[in-house]
Amino acid sequence: MVGLCLGLAALVAMGSTATASYGDPRKGSCAAGEMPAKFPFGGCMCMPKCNAGTCPAAPGGATAIPTCEFSSTGKPPPDYCGLRCKNGEKCPTGTSCEMPTGICAYPYPMGEPEADDLEARALDEQLVTAYSALEPQPEALVGGQAPWRYQYVPTKLQMPTGSNPPYSHGLEVDEDSNIYLTYFDSADSGRCLLRWSPKDSYTKFEVLGHGSEMCASGDHSNGPHGLRIAKEVRPCPASFCVILSSK
């Protein structure tokens, strides 16, 4: 796993008394009393304890919102702080706003490390999974084998009501973290391309190109095969542009 093969010195330093809050647990930089945490959808961070419901300020330059929200069980009361970034707030240096959770985090993969990566597994054992104690926690189904692990949450990536997709062929993510899926819908052959957005945490679908030539092309019993995102650098036929344009 890239970024997980850390020296043993980092593991020994996990309990160091660094003073900065919201540090990188992969480097052993958690302050005394902080929880070295990982998140269900990927990412990790040193999480300081709440102090009567208040949290330490975000590091200099960051505008992410400190919130007393997290626990190791996902049940109230919350006892650890994180940095929220759902509305475009700036995360600390070295972190990014992980979607769909909207929490600042350092890079860390979802799921378990490979069995033969002993250093990665030793680090993973030091990290505690942090859940929001203020938001409903849908039951997640985790499957696959490293490095091909996946997490299924029933409330996300919903298909259209009444759809019947025996085949799904193409899956892509664009530079704005929108997710696209091509599929064949035996309940409505005019539907063949869906999009989900991180703006609503991937809970609402958008049908693109309903009834268009795109959905009628290819194998009519399977729908379009494959999907590739590309930027058009020359004028394209109006019908094609309309099909793939955003609202």
C-alpha atoms as a PDB file:
ATOM      1  CA  MET A   1       0.000   0.000   0.000  1.00  0.00           C
ATOM      2  CA  VAL A   2       1.425   3.371  -1.051  1.00  0.00           C
ATOM      3  CA  GLY A   3       2.052   5.643   1.938  1.00  0.00           C
ATOM      4  CA  LEU A   4       1.579   2.911   4.526  1.00  0.00           C
ATOM      5  CA  CYS A   5       5.020   1.353   4.620  1.00  0.00           C
ATOM      6  CA  LEU A   6       6.258   3.446   7.506  1.00  0.00           C
ATOM      7  CA  GLY A   7       9.343   2.948   9.610  1.00  0.00           C
ATOM      8  CA  LEU A   8       8.980   1.338  12.998  1.00  0.00           C
ATOM      9  CA  ALA A   9      10.174   4.591  14.543  1.00  0.00           C
ATOM     10  CA  ALA A  10       6.866   6.191  13.574  1.00  0.00           C
ATOM     11  CA  LEU A  11       4.974   3.484  15.420  1.00  0.00           C
ATOM     12  CA  VAL A  12       7.065   3.863  18.550  1.00  0.00           C
ATOM     13  CA  ALA A  13       6.389   7.602  18.436  1.00  0.00           C
ATOM     14  CA  MET A  14       2.610   7.103  18.312  1.00  0.00           C
ATOM     15  CA  GLY A  15       2.344   8.180  21.913  1.00  0.00           C
ATOM     16  CA  SER A  16       4.567  11.244  21.541  1.00  0.00           C
ATOM     17  CA  THR A  17       3.629  14.446  23.298  1.00  0.00           C
ATOM     18  CA  ALA A  18       3.572  16.714  20.234  1.00  0.00           C
ATOM     19  CA  THR A  19       1.586  19.855  21.020  1.00  0.00           C
ATOM     20  CA  ALA A  20      -0.090  20.570  17.656  1.00  0.00           C
ATOM     21  CA  SER A  21      -3.678  19.340  17.344  1.00  0.00           C
ATOM     22  CA  TYR A  22      -5.077  17.513  14.314  1.00  0.00           C
ATOM     23  CA  GLY A  23      -1.720  15.957  13.389  1.00  0.00           C
ATOM     24  CA  ASP A  24      -0.866  12.993  11.174  1.00  0.00           C
ATOM     25  CA  PRO A  25      -1.109   9.678  13.073  1.00  0.00           C
ATOM     26  CA  ARG A  26       0.922   7.925  10.365  1.00  0.00           C
ATOM     27  CA  LYS A  27       3.924   9.949  11.546  1.00  0.00           C
ATOM     28  CA  GLY A  28       3.358   9.464  15.248  1.00  0.00           C
ATOM     29  CA  SER A  29       2.457  13.124  15.692  1.00  0.00           C
ATOM     30  CA  CYS A  30      -0.605  12.753  17.917  1.00  0.00           C
ATOM     31  CA  ALA A  31      -0.543  14.991  20.993  1.00  0.00           C
ATOM     32  CA  ALA A  32      -1.053  13.523  24.458  1.00  0.00           C
ATOM     33  CA  GLY A  33      -4.701  12.562  24.935  1.00  0.00           C
ATOM     34  CA  GLU A  34      -5.561  12.607  21.224  1.00  0.00           C
ATOM     35  CA  MET A  35      -7.067   9.585  19.497  1.00  0.00           C
ATOM     36  CA  PRO A  36      -5.135   8.288  16.457  1.00  0.00           C
ATOM     37  CA  ALA A  37      -8.182   7.786  14.251  1.00  0.00           C
ATOM     38  CA  LYS A  38      -9.173   6.486  10.843  1.00  0.00           C
ATOM     39  CA  PHE A  39     -12.509   7.078   9.135  1.00  0.00           C
ATOM     40  CA  PRO A  40     -14.919   4.510   7.636  1.00  0.00           C
ATOM     41  CA  PHE A  41     -14.637   6.020   4.131  1.00  0.00           C
ATOM     42  CA  GLY A  42     -10.854   6.464   4.261  1.00  0.00           C
ATOM     43  CA  GLY A  43      -8.517   9.068   5.731  1.00  0.00           C
ATOM     44  CA  CYS A  44      -6.993   9.481   9.183  1.00  0.00           C
ATOM     45  CA  MET A  45      -6.240  12.214  11.745  1.00  0.00           C
ATOM     46  CA  CYS A  46      -5.185  12.777  15.347  1.00  0.00           C
ATOM     47  CA  MET A  47      -8.429  13.768  17.082  1.00  0.00           C
ATOM     48  CA  PRO A  48      -8.248  15.871  20.272  1.00  0.00           C
ATOM     49  CA  LYS A  49     -10.723  15.277  23.095  1.00  0.00           C
ATOM     50  CA  CYS A  50     -13.643  17.622  23.485  1.00  0.00           C
ATOM     51  CA  ASN A  51     -13.425  20.045  26.386  1.00  0.00           C
ATOM     52  CA  ALA A  52     -16.956  20.773  27.613  1.00  0.00           C
ATOM     53  CA  GLY A  53     -18.167  20.597  24.010  1.00  0.00           C
ATOM     54  CA  THR A  54     -15.441  22.844  22.588  1.00  0.00           C
ATOM     55  CA  CYS A  55     -12.491  21.947  20.363  1.00  0.00           C
ATOM     56  CA  PRO A  56      -9.021  23.322  19.589  1.00  0.00           C
ATOM     57  CA  ALA A  57      -8.857  25.746  16.682  1.00  0.00           C
ATOM     58  CA  ALA A  58      -7.803  24.519  13.256  1.00  0.00           C
ATOM     59  CA  PRO A  59      -4.090  24.960  12.450  1.00  0.00           C
ATOM     60  CA  GLY A  60      -3.001  28.304  11.007  1.00  0.00           C
ATOM     61  CA  GLY A  61      -4.432  29.121   7.586  1.00  0.00           C
ATOM     62  CA  ALA A  62      -7.165  26.458   7.732  1.00  0.00           C
ATOM     63  CA  THR A  63     -10.814  27.500   7.818  1.00  0.00           C
ATOM     64  CA  ALA A  64     -12.289  24.031   8.467  1.00  0.00           C
ATOM     65  CA  ILE A  65     -14.718  24.071  11.389  1.00  0.00           C
ATOM     66  CA  PRO A  66     -13.682  22.284  14.619  1.00  0.00           C
ATOM     67  CA  THR A  67     -16.604  20.239  15.874  1.00  0.00           C
ATOM     68  CA  CYS A  68     -17.117  18.034  18.918  1.00  0.00           C
ATOM     69  CA  GLU A  69     -18.834  15.239  17.065  1.00  0.00           C
ATOM     70  CA  PHE A  70     -16.935  11.971  17.007  1.00  0.00           C
ATOM     71  CA  SER A  71     -16.615   8.821  19.079  1.00  0.00           C
ATOM     72  CA  SER A  72     -15.178   5.351  18.651  1.00  0.00           C
ATOM     73  CA  THR A  73     -18.685   3.829  18.831  1.00  0.00           C
ATOM     74  CA  GLY A  74     -20.747   6.271  16.748  1.00  0.00           C
ATOM     75  CA  LYS A  75     -23.104   6.755  19.684  1.00  0.00           C
ATOM     76  CA  PRO A  76     -23.618   9.948  21.716  1.00  0.00           C
ATOM     77  CA  PRO A  77     -22.219  11.666  23.582  1.00  0.00           C
ATOM     78  CA  PRO A  78     -19.358  12.650  21.273  1.00  0.00           C
ATOM     79  CA  ASP A  79     -15.981  12.927  22.937  1.00  0.00           C
ATOM     80  CA  TYR A  80     -13.503  13.731  20.135  1.00  0.00           C
ATOM     81  CA  CYS A  81     -13.037  16.665  17.757  1.00  0.00           C
ATOM     82  CA  GLY A  82     -12.710  16.723  13.981  1.00  0.00           C
ATOM     83  CA  LEU A  83     -12.515  19.380  11.275  1.00  0.00           C
ATOM     84  CA  ARG A  84     -15.598  19.765   9.070  1.00  0.00           C
ATOM     85  CA  CYS A  85     -15.265  20.982   5.470  1.00  0.00           C
ATOM     86  CA  LYS A  86     -18.629  20.181   3.846  1.00  0.00           C
ATOM     87  CA  ASN A  87     -19.130  23.709   2.518  1.00  0.00           C
ATOM     88  CA  GLY A  88     -15.734  24.249   0.932  1.00  0.00           C
ATOM     89  CA  GLU A  89     -13.775  25.228   4.044  1.00  0.00           C
ATOM     90  CA  LYS A  90      -9.999  24.941   3.705  1.00  0.00           C
ATOM     91  CA  CYS A  91      -8.361  21.930   5.362  1.00  0.00           C
ATOM     92  CA  PRO A  92      -4.935  22.021   7.061  1.00  0.00           C
ATOM     93  CA  THR A  93      -1.810  21.483   4.974  1.00  0.00           C
ATOM     94  CA  GLY A  94      -1.329  17.813   4.106  1.00  0.00           C
ATOM     95  CA  THR A  95      -5.013  16.962   4.464  1.00  0.00           C
ATOM     96  CA  SER A  96      -7.946  17.020   2.065  1.00  0.00           C
ATOM     97  CA  CYS A  97     -11.708  17.181   2.471  1.00  0.00           C
ATOM     98  CA  GLU A  98     -12.776  13.547   2.318  1.00  0.00           C
ATOM     99  CA  MET A  99     -16.137  12.977   0.690  1.00  0.00           C
ATOM    100  CA  PRO A 100     -18.859  11.906   1.250  1.00  0.00           C
ATOM    101  CA  THR A 101     -18.123  12.489   4.943  1.00  0.00           C
ATOM    102  CA  GLY A 102     -16.960  16.124   4.593  1.00  0.00           C
ATOM    103  CA  ILE A 103     -14.142  15.728   7.114  1.00  0.00           C
ATOM    104  CA  CYS A 104     -10.514  16.873   6.805  1.00  0.00           C
ATOM    105  CA  ALA A 105      -8.162  13.902   6.833  1.00  0.00           C
ATOM    106  CA  TYR A 106      -4.689  12.737   5.917  1.00  0.00           C
ATOM    107  CA  PRO A 107      -4.480  10.078   3.171  1.00  0.00           C
ATOM    108  CA  TYR A 108      -5.319   6.584   4.400  1.00  0.00           C
ATOM    109  CA  PRO A 109      -7.065   3.786   2.487  1.00  0.00           C
ATOM    110  CA  MET A 110     -10.438   2.309   3.316  1.00  0.00           C
ATOM    111  CA  GLY A 111     -10.427  -1.308   4.477  1.00  0.00           C
ATOM    112  CA  GLU A 112      -7.647  -3.483   5.824  1.00  0.00           C
ATOM    113  CA  PRO A 113      -3.978  -3.573   4.710  1.00  0.00           C
ATOM    114  CA  GLU A 114      -2.627  -6.551   2.834  1.00  0.00           C
ATOM    115  CA  ALA A 115      -1.821  -9.503   5.073  1.00  0.00           C
ATOM    116  CA  ASP A 116       1.879  -9.601   4.154  1.00  0.00           C
ATOM    117  CA  ASP A 117       2.478  -5.862   4.762  1.00  0.00           C
ATOM    118  CA  LEU A 118       3.463  -6.172   8.409  1.00  0.00           C
ATOM    119  CA  GLU A 119       4.358  -2.514   8.958  1.00  0.00           C
ATOM    120  CA  ALA A 120       1.058  -1.350   7.481  1.00  0.00           C
ATOM    121  CA  ARG A 121      -0.867  -3.807   9.631  1.00  0.00           C
ATOM    122  CA  ALA A 122       1.042  -2.695  12.746  1.00  0.00           C
ATOM    123  CA  LEU A 123       0.040   0.908  12.055  1.00  0.00           C
ATOM    124  CA  ASP A 124      -3.567  -0.044  11.330  1.00  0.00           C
ATOM    125  CA  GLU A 125      -3.806  -1.734  14.718  1.00  0.00           C
ATOM    126  CA  GLN A 126      -2.848   1.581  16.345  1.00  0.00           C
ATOM    127  CA  LEU A 127      -5.711   3.470  14.687  1.00  0.00           C
ATOM    128  CA  VAL A 128      -9.236   3.626  16.101  1.00  0.00           C
ATOM    129  CA  THR A 129     -12.181   3.962  13.706  1.00  0.00           C
ATOM    130  CA  ALA A 130     -13.951   7.263  14.433  1.00  0.00           C
ATOM    131  CA  TYR A 131     -17.679   7.674  13.749  1.00  0.00           C
ATOM    132  CA  SER A 132     -19.915  10.711  13.895  1.00  0.00           C
ATOM    133  CA  ALA A 133     -22.011  10.585  17.056  1.00  0.00           C
ATOM    134  CA  LEU A 134     -24.395  13.243  15.733  1.00  0.00           C
ATOM    135  CA  GLU A 135     -25.352  11.778  12.342  1.00  0.00           C
ATOM    136  CA  PRO A 136     -27.148   8.472  11.649  1.00  0.00           C
ATOM    137  CA  GLN A 137     -24.680   5.692  10.924  1.00  0.00           C
ATOM    138  CA  PRO A 138     -26.049   3.400   8.186  1.00  0.00           C
ATOM    139  CA  GLU A 139     -24.997  -0.197   8.431  1.00  0.00           C
ATOM    140  CA  ALA A 140     -22.068  -0.706   6.061  1.00  0.00           C
ATOM    141  CA  LEU A 141     -21.179  -3.947   4.310  1.00  0.00           C
ATOM    142  CA  VAL A 142     -17.462  -4.390   3.637  1.00  0.00           C
ATOM    143  CA  GLY A 143     -16.151  -7.002   1.238  1.00  0.00           C
ATOM    144  CA  GLY A 144     -13.411  -7.886  -1.192  1.00  0.00           C
ATOM    145  CA  GLN A 145      -9.737  -8.480  -0.538  1.00  0.00           C
ATOM    146  CA  ALA A 146      -6.907  -5.949  -0.307  1.00  0.00           C
ATOM    147  CA  PRO A 147      -6.065  -3.991  -2.339  1.00  0.00           C
ATOM    148  CA  TRP A 148      -9.573  -4.417  -3.880  1.00  0.00           C
ATOM    149  CA  ARG A 149     -11.727  -3.551  -0.886  1.00  0.00           C
ATOM    150  CA  TYR A 150     -15.113  -1.860  -1.029  1.00  0.00           C
ATOM    151  CA  GLN A 151     -17.658  -0.514   1.415  1.00  0.00           C
ATOM    152  CA  TYR A 152     -21.364  -0.571   0.597  1.00  0.00           C
ATOM    153  CA  VAL A 153     -23.695   1.906   2.315  1.00  0.00           C
ATOM    154  CA  PRO A 154     -27.356   1.347   1.338  1.00  0.00           C
ATOM    155  CA  THR A 155     -28.289   5.046   1.524  1.00  0.00           C
ATOM    156  CA  LYS A 156     -25.771   6.104  -1.141  1.00  0.00           C
ATOM    157  CA  LEU A 157     -25.611   5.638  -4.949  1.00  0.00           C
ATOM    158  CA  GLN A 158     -29.314   4.842  -5.134  1.00  0.00           C
ATOM    159  CA  MET A 159     -30.727   3.768  -8.513  1.00  0.00           C
ATOM    160  CA  PRO A 160     -33.958   5.250  -9.974  1.00  0.00           C
ATOM    161  CA  THR A 161     -37.163   3.947  -8.402  1.00  0.00           C
ATOM    162  CA  GLY A 162     -38.440   0.915 -10.274  1.00  0.00           C
ATOM    163  CA  SER A 163     -35.227   0.422 -12.258  1.00  0.00           C
ATOM    164  CA  ASN A 164     -34.129  -3.082 -13.170  1.00  0.00           C
ATOM    165  CA  PRO A 165     -30.441  -3.077 -14.157  1.00  0.00           C
ATOM    166  CA  PRO A 166     -29.250  -6.610 -14.966  1.00  0.00           C
ATOM    167  CA  TYR A 167     -26.018  -5.128 -16.380  1.00  0.00           C
ATOM    168  CA  SER A 168     -23.767  -2.227 -15.369  1.00  0.00           C
ATOM    169  CA  HIS A 169     -20.703  -1.765 -17.543  1.00  0.00           C
ATOM    170  CA  GLY A 170     -18.933   1.564 -16.987  1.00  0.00           C
ATOM    171  CA  LEU A 171     -17.942   3.411 -13.800  1.00  0.00           C
ATOM    172  CA  GLU A 172     -15.943   6.666 -13.749  1.00  0.00           C
ATOM    173  CA  VAL A 173     -15.131   9.577 -11.394  1.00  0.00           C
ATOM    174  CA  ASP A 174     -14.458  13.050 -12.816  1.00  0.00           C
ATOM    175  CA  GLU A 175     -12.185  15.817 -11.498  1.00  0.00           C
ATOM    176  CA  ASP A 176     -15.046  17.187  -9.369  1.00  0.00           C
ATOM    177  CA  SER A 177     -15.573  13.766  -7.696  1.00  0.00           C
ATOM    178  CA  ASN A 178     -18.883  13.162  -9.510  1.00  0.00           C
ATOM    179  CA  ILE A 179     -19.534   9.451 -10.078  1.00  0.00           C
ATOM    180  CA  TYR A 180     -20.919   8.202 -13.430  1.00  0.00           C
ATOM    181  CA  LEU A 181     -22.408   4.803 -14.263  1.00  0.00           C
ATOM    182  CA  THR A 182     -23.511   3.326 -17.594  1.00  0.00           C
ATOM    183  CA  TYR A 183     -26.000   0.482 -17.388  1.00  0.00           C
ATOM    184  CA  PHE A 184     -28.905  -1.257 -19.117  1.00  0.00           C
ATOM    185  CA  ASP A 185     -32.303  -0.710 -17.507  1.00  0.00           C
ATOM    186  CA  SER A 186     -34.829  -3.336 -18.590  1.00  0.00           C
ATOM    187  CA  ALA A 187     -37.593  -1.289 -16.915  1.00  0.00           C
ATOM    188  CA  ASP A 188     -36.799   1.818 -18.994  1.00  0.00           C
ATOM    189  CA  SER A 189     -34.410   1.397 -21.933  1.00  0.00           C
ATOM    190  CA  GLY A 190     -34.178   5.194 -22.251  1.00  0.00           C
ATOM    191  CA  ARG A 191     -32.102   5.314 -19.074  1.00  0.00           C
ATOM    192  CA  CYS A 192     -28.457   4.344 -19.438  1.00  0.00           C
ATOM    193  CA  LEU A 193     -26.276   6.987 -17.730  1.00  0.00           C
ATOM    194  CA  LEU A 194     -26.470   8.155 -14.102  1.00  0.00           C
ATOM    195  CA  ARG A 195     -24.513  10.714 -12.124  1.00  0.00           C
ATOM    196  CA  TRP A 196     -24.115  11.161  -8.355  1.00  0.00           C
ATOM    197  CA  SER A 197     -22.593  14.269  -6.780  1.00  0.00           C
ATOM    198  CA  PRO A 198     -20.518  14.776  -3.620  1.00  0.00           C
ATOM    199  CA  LYS A 199     -22.562  17.931  -2.987  1.00  0.00           C
ATOM    200  CA  ASP A 200     -25.350  15.790  -1.525  1.00  0.00           C
ATOM    201  CA  SER A 201     -23.037  13.002  -0.306  1.00  0.00           C
ATOM    202  CA  TYR A 202     -23.960  10.812  -3.303  1.00  0.00           C
ATOM    203  CA  THR A 203     -27.493  10.245  -2.031  1.00  0.00           C
ATOM    204  CA  LYS A 204     -29.370  11.597  -5.104  1.00  0.00           C
ATOM    205  CA  PHE A 205     -29.019  10.341  -8.675  1.00  0.00           C
ATOM    206  CA  GLU A 206     -29.326  12.359 -11.887  1.00  0.00           C
ATOM    207  CA  VAL A 207     -30.353  10.676 -15.144  1.00  0.00           C
ATOM    208  CA  LEU A 208     -28.340  11.992 -18.111  1.00  0.00           C
ATOM    209  CA  GLY A 209     -29.412  11.709 -21.737  1.00  0.00           C
ATOM    210  CA  HIS A 210     -32.739   9.961 -21.139  1.00  0.00           C
ATOM    211  CA  GLY A 211     -34.114   8.564 -24.407  1.00  0.00           C
ATOM    212  CA  SER A 212     -31.096   9.764 -26.383  1.00  0.00           C
ATOM    213  CA  GLU A 213     -29.243   8.014 -29.184  1.00  0.00           C
ATOM    214  CA  MET A 214     -26.531   7.207 -26.651  1.00  0.00           C
ATOM    215  CA  CYS A 215     -28.876   4.850 -24.793  1.00  0.00           C
ATOM    216  CA  ALA A 216     -30.046   3.203 -28.015  1.00  0.00           C
ATOM    217  CA  SER A 217     -26.547   2.490 -29.362  1.00  0.00           C
ATOM    218  CA  GLY A 218     -24.500  -0.654 -28.897  1.00  0.00           C
ATOM    219  CA  ASP A 219     -25.950  -3.964 -27.787  1.00  0.00           C
ATOM    220  CA  HIS A 220     -29.671  -3.348 -27.215  1.00  0.00           C
ATOM    221  CA  SER A 221     -29.889  -6.203 -24.719  1.00  0.00           C
ATOM    222  CA  ASN A 222     -26.995  -4.904 -22.609  1.00  0.00           C
ATOM    223  CA  GLY A 223     -26.896  -1.141 -23.170  1.00  0.00           C
ATOM    224  CA  PRO A 224     -23.707   0.868 -23.751  1.00  0.00           C
ATOM    225  CA  HIS A 225     -20.470  -0.895 -22.895  1.00  0.00           C
ATOM    226  CA  GLY A 226     -17.832   0.974 -20.916  1.00  0.00           C
ATOM    227  CA  LEU A 227     -17.341   4.611 -20.040  1.00  0.00           C
ATOM    228  CA  ARG A 228     -14.446   7.012 -20.420  1.00  0.00           C
ATOM    229  CA  ILE A 229     -14.313  10.670 -19.387  1.00  0.00           C
ATOM    230  CA  ALA A 230     -12.509  12.932 -21.856  1.00  0.00           C
ATOM    231  CA  LYS A 231     -12.358  16.674 -22.452  1.00  0.00           C
ATOM    232  CA  GLU A 232     -13.611  17.713 -25.899  1.00  0.00           C
ATOM    233  CA  VAL A 233     -10.985  19.892 -27.639  1.00  0.00           C
ATOM    234  CA  ARG A 234     -12.893  20.461 -30.895  1.00  0.00           C
ATOM    235  CA  PRO A 235     -16.503  21.343 -31.770  1.00  0.00           C
ATOM    236  CA  CYS A 236     -18.806  18.386 -31.364  1.00  0.00           C
ATOM    237  CA  PRO A 237     -22.259  17.576 -32.777  1.00  0.00           C
ATOM    238  CA  ALA A 238     -24.958  19.428 -30.891  1.00  0.00           C
ATOM    239  CA  SER A 239     -26.796  16.238 -29.936  1.00  0.00           C
ATOM    240  CA  PHE A 240     -23.673  14.752 -28.374  1.00  0.00           C
ATOM    241  CA  CYS A 241     -22.863  17.946 -26.450  1.00  0.00           C
ATOM    242  CA  VAL A 242     -26.372  18.183 -25.032  1.00  0.00           C
ATOM    243  CA  ILE A 243     -26.325  14.583 -23.845  1.00  0.00           C
ATOM    244  CA  LEU A 244     -23.177  15.015 -21.785  1.00  0.00           C
ATOM    245  CA  SER A 245     -23.653  18.606 -20.618  1.00  0.00           C
ATOM    246  CA  SER A 246     -24.402  19.538 -17.015  1.00  0.00           C
ATOM    247  CA  LYS A 247     -27.645  21.252 -16.118  1.00  0.00           C
END
